[in-house]
Amino acid sequence: MRRALDAVARWTIRSPWSAIAWAVLPALALAALLPTTTVDLTFTGVMNRGNEHVGRYFEMSEQYELGGLLLVLLEGEEERLDEAVDRAIEAASVLPSVAAARRPLPLEWLAEQAPWLVERPLFDRWLALVERPDDVANLAEFAASAMALRGAVASVPGARLVEIKMAKDPLAEEVGESPFFEIEASIESALAGSGVTAGFSGLPALSAGDQEQTLGAIKRLTPISLVLVLLLFRIVEKRPGGMLSVAAVLILAIGAALGAVGVLTGKLTVMETFFGVTVFGLGIDFAVHLFVRQREELAHGRSFEQALRRTLSGAGRGVVAGGITTAGAFLIAATAPDPVALHLGLSGGLGLLFCLPLTLLILPSVWVLRQRRHRRRVATATEAPSRRATPVRVPGLSSVVRWSTERPVRCLAVSAVLVTAALAGLPRLQVETRLERIMNRGVPAIAMVDRIQEVLGTNGAPWILAADSLDQAREFAARLDGHPLFSETISLGTILPADLAERAAELHRVFGPQGGPVEAVGGIADPRALAVAALRRAAAAGPPGIDSLPPGLREKFIASTGEFLVFAYAADSKADGALARRQREVVQAIDPRSSGLLAVVEGMMIGDRPWIPWIALSILGFVLVVLCVDFRRPASVLLAVLPVLAAVPFTLGVLCWVGIPFNVMTWLVLPLIFGLGIDDGIHVVHRILDDPAQPIRGAALSVGRAIAMTTLTTTASFSILLFTDHPGLETMAAVMLIGLPACLLASVTVLPAAAVLLVGRR
């Protein structure tokens, strides 16, 4: 490795333009494939359809054309609500993104068909009013039942619900391209001046609001992050040319990796947007190590050529070894049977592999070209660089390193106590299972979910069962009726009673074959008169059948396959993965084919991933193999992994102590902690081995300066996530802000202290 890197150094000194061309042209060739690559920025593109339950949801959604359900809660004065409902439905129906807009149940039809649809005891009371007009007790019971029925049919006073079925599943919409805001604006415009307010909930409102708030925050904060990182990078390299060369390396690496991922997988997904942070964070670390080492070599009075060769053969070995271990870890993760792991692992691994040669060829070549230009301008070419070059200063670093090497036993004891104290917090580990707690807090639809559940007892994510007949639909509903996990079950089987034929016979007995007249009773407000009139109309019209149903009911409850859909609404409106699993087990015990949007929530938040232990063991094995090949000494391998062995458990324990829950987004940044910790240890050990005559303190201090700079730049870029008002992104930032300083401290304390004891060289 040392000879190969020295050959690279001599090549860049001899032919810098040739080295740049060999690095840039292949990267540009791969990046040129991007315009022809399919871009799938939908969440379905990274959903694990191999998961039985997630795959079943998408299969059912496509088979039954379910689309996304947008719930609109209208609240206002009772007398204005029905007109507001009509306005909202009319405004939404004309939009191309809306497949259907309707009331959950058609109130007029329900009122007309009431004798056929009410519960049998109330129907019997109605008949008793006709046959026994003097039964005062029955009349009182009927009046009470009629009032309850009127409340159920008219919904909750002061509130109405409108269901909007989207033409396209929101999960299949591209990020930032949701039509929800057009629907929201159209309905609010239609309701202007009516005194009725509209609140929106359901997946379309949640996903669109979360994307708008989060993407907006990231757009505002990203420029601040870039400026902050560049200002910090100026500590290492103040000249614009040096910073531009690093930017060119990162851009080329990202472009080449995206092109390669497109060729290998056939498409780019939303996960490729996350890998840019990985390449940026680790790629800039490669550059920092080279810049810091170059300045240090020049500060020691070496010539430019000597400094460059020592930089590449010294720090370059750590860059290569660290890059290979981290890239390999990402590529091994890409073998997991999960689209998220595939795309994130493949893009991160390839990005780092491309970043390595680009960094090792372009940066030294730029230095050579700049040195040549400087020599043409300055007669004494060796004096100016040596005057400008001074080691990077990190306050307090020298004292910490000195203490760790002069008191190694005490340092390791203190470190062990800190790690043990942190691990004592593991019993406090919290795993976040609720979806809304990793979404942006500024999304109004989150609060509206609870409001609709509180007012109407329904939500936009029902479990859906498919019955082959009305009788089976009734059986499904009966088995769920009264279950504590479900508040309501609706289907045509629950709307159309099973005893319609018996009711028709009773009405025929009382009113005759044509629903003939009966004696006049009471006034128009007399409940007995209203009941008799309703019964007479029902007898004349006959029982409702499938063909006589309103179109809205048929579309909602009868699939295009002819199956009868049963909607089971959860009693709790929270999109909780653990709760969703219990609900799924209940409905699938009734209908194994059943599914719902909450199955996706379960898969996302607590989905079973049996491949994780094998992937983790494979990554660990790969890292150890690379380190053994690189160092060839067990003691050196042990020293290299010490920062990870100390920092990662410490980070996990601190997260538990401070009460930061673990979620799907937390796990995305843990590979970065692992990669950075391994890289830090590799660099320190290489520096110790490069110059056996140098004290360990000097080696740790030399590399510690570079690690301190990489920690500063990476934590600065992640710190902006604390201001996004997004709990998921905030936990990602917290992991980095705890883990990266822990890796730095372990690299300049635990590792050199252990090295002193193992090597016996202070």
Foldseek 3Di string as FASTA:
>chain_A
DLVVLLVLLVCLLVPQVVLLCVLQVLLVVLLVLVVVFAAQAFLVLFFQLVPPFVVLAVVCCVQQVQAWKKKKKKFFAQVLVVVLLVLLQVLQVVDPFFPHKFFPADLVVCVLQVLQFDDPVLVVLLVCCQVPVPPVVSLVVNVVVVVVVVCVSSAHGRIGMMITGTSHHRSRDHQQRQCVVVSVVSSCVSCPPSRMDIDMATDSLQRNLLSVLQVVLCVVCQVVLVVQLVVLCCLLPVDPLLVVLLVVLLVSLLSSLVSVCCVVVRYHYPLSVVLSLLLVLLLVLLVLQLSLQLLVVLLVVDFNSVSSSCSCSFLVLLLVLLLQLLLVLLCLQLVASGSNSVNNSSSNSSSSVSSSSSSSSRNSSSVSVVLVVQVVVDVPSSPVSNVPRDHRDDPPLLVQLVCQQVVVVVLVVVLVVLLVLLLVLVVLAFAAFFPVQQGFPPRSNVVVLVVCCVRRVFGRKWKKFWALDLVLLLVLQVLCPPPQFFDHKDWVNSRRDPCLVVSLVVLCVSQNQQLHDDDDDDDPPSPSNVSSVSSSSCNNVGRDDPVNDDPVRCSVQAGPVRIGMMTTGTSDSTLGLVSLVVVLVSSCVSPVSMHIPSSSSNCQWPNDRVCVVVSVVVSVVVSLVSQCVSPVDPLLSVLLCQLVVSQVSSLSSVCSVVVQHDTNLQVSCPSVLNSLLNSLSSSLSSQCVVDVVDFSSVSLSSSLSSLVSSLSSSLSSLVSLCVSSRSSSNSNSSSSVRRSVSSSSCSSRVSSSSCCVVVVGD
